[in-house]
Amino acid sequence: MSHTFEELKHTRVADLREIAKDIEVRIWEKFIMLSTLSAITTLTRLNIGTILQDETCASLIKAAVDETTAVGRRMCSNLPEDA
């Protein structure tokens, strides 16, 4: 559920509470993505497109996502299975 600034400008406070209700989950989802991508692109000094085309690099990303997600699930029990 991604919202633009224009949508949020016209949102009621009750709706904003609903959006913020799962903020811990949203933070973990973002952290998983950003930490994985930044770590692998820094490590390999390659852009994400090149990394995903390389089988070894792609498996490295998957392993990093899996490990970070496992930590996220220990810290945030509401993290969905598809995070």
Protein backbone atom coordinates (compact mmCIF):
# COMPACT_ATOMS: atom_id res chain seq x y z
CA MET A 1 0.00 0.00 0.00
CA SER A 2 2.02 2.93 -1.27
CA HIS A 3 0.61 6.42 -1.10
CA THR A 4 1.60 9.58 -2.92
CA PHE A 5 1.84 12.94 -1.19
CA GLU A 6 -1.26 14.16 -3.02
CA GLU A 7 -3.27 11.19 -1.76
CA LEU A 8 -2.05 11.70 1.80
CA LYS A 9 -2.91 15.43 1.74
CA HIS A 10 -6.57 14.54 1.41
CA THR A 11 -6.59 11.69 3.89
CA ARG A 12 -8.41 11.80 7.21
CA VAL A 13 -6.53 11.29 10.47
CA ALA A 14 -8.29 7.95 11.02
CA ASP A 15 -7.00 6.76 7.65
CA LEU A 16 -3.48 7.88 8.51
CA ARG A 17 -3.63 5.84 11.71
CA GLU A 18 -4.49 2.79 9.62
CA ILE A 19 -1.55 3.45 7.29
CA ALA A 20 0.83 3.87 10.25
CA LYS A 21 -0.50 0.80 12.06
CA ASP A 22 1.95 -1.49 10.31
CA ILE A 23 4.86 0.98 10.27
CA GLU A 24 7.26 -1.52 11.87
CA VAL A 25 6.55 -3.96 9.04
CA ARG A 26 7.08 -1.25 6.42
CA ILE A 27 10.37 -0.21 8.01
CA TRP A 28 11.63 -3.81 7.99
CA GLU A 29 10.53 -4.36 4.38
CA LYS A 30 12.42 -1.24 3.34
CA PHE A 31 15.46 -2.18 5.44
CA ILE A 32 15.61 -5.66 3.89
CA MET A 33 15.62 -4.21 0.39
CA LEU A 34 18.00 -1.31 1.00
CA SER A 35 20.54 -3.17 3.12
CA THR A 36 20.71 -6.06 0.69
CA LEU A 37 21.03 -3.96 -2.44
CA SER A 38 23.54 -1.53 -0.94
CA ALA A 39 25.69 -4.32 0.49
CA ILE A 40 25.84 -6.36 -2.72
CA THR A 41 26.33 -3.41 -5.06
CA THR A 42 29.12 -2.11 -2.81
CA LEU A 43 30.74 -5.52 -2.49
CA THR A 44 30.71 -6.24 -6.21
CA ARG A 45 31.00 -2.65 -7.47
CA LEU A 46 28.38 -3.56 -10.07
CA ASN A 47 24.96 -2.10 -10.80
CA ILE A 48 21.88 -4.09 -9.88
CA GLY A 49 21.08 -5.04 -13.48
CA THR A 50 24.50 -6.60 -13.98
CA ILE A 51 24.29 -8.35 -10.61
CA LEU A 52 20.92 -9.92 -11.40
CA GLN A 53 22.23 -11.23 -14.73
CA ASP A 54 25.09 -13.03 -13.01
CA GLU A 55 24.04 -16.34 -11.44
CA THR A 56 26.61 -16.16 -8.63
CA CYS A 57 25.73 -12.56 -7.73
CA ALA A 58 22.00 -13.27 -7.92
CA SER A 59 22.41 -16.16 -5.47
CA LEU A 60 24.40 -13.85 -3.19
CA ILE A 61 21.50 -11.38 -3.18
CA LYS A 62 19.03 -14.16 -2.40
CA ALA A 63 21.16 -15.34 0.51
CA ALA A 64 21.46 -11.79 1.86
CA VAL A 65 17.71 -11.22 1.55
CA ASP A 66 16.99 -14.53 3.29
CA GLU A 67 19.37 -13.74 6.16
CA THR A 68 18.10 -10.18 6.63
CA THR A 69 14.49 -11.37 6.45
CA ALA A 70 15.19 -14.00 9.12
CA VAL A 71 16.50 -11.27 11.43
CA GLY A 72 13.49 -9.12 10.57
CA ARG A 73 11.09 -11.92 11.49
CA ARG A 74 12.78 -12.34 14.88
CA MET A 75 12.47 -8.61 15.52
CA CYS A 76 9.02 -8.05 13.96
CA SER A 77 6.57 -10.90 14.28
CA ASN A 78 4.13 -9.20 11.88
CA LEU A 79 6.56 -9.37 8.94
CA PRO A 80 4.67 -11.22 6.17
CA GLU A 81 5.96 -14.40 4.54
CA ASP A 82 6.53 -12.60 1.24
CA ALA A 83 8.72 -9.87 2.80
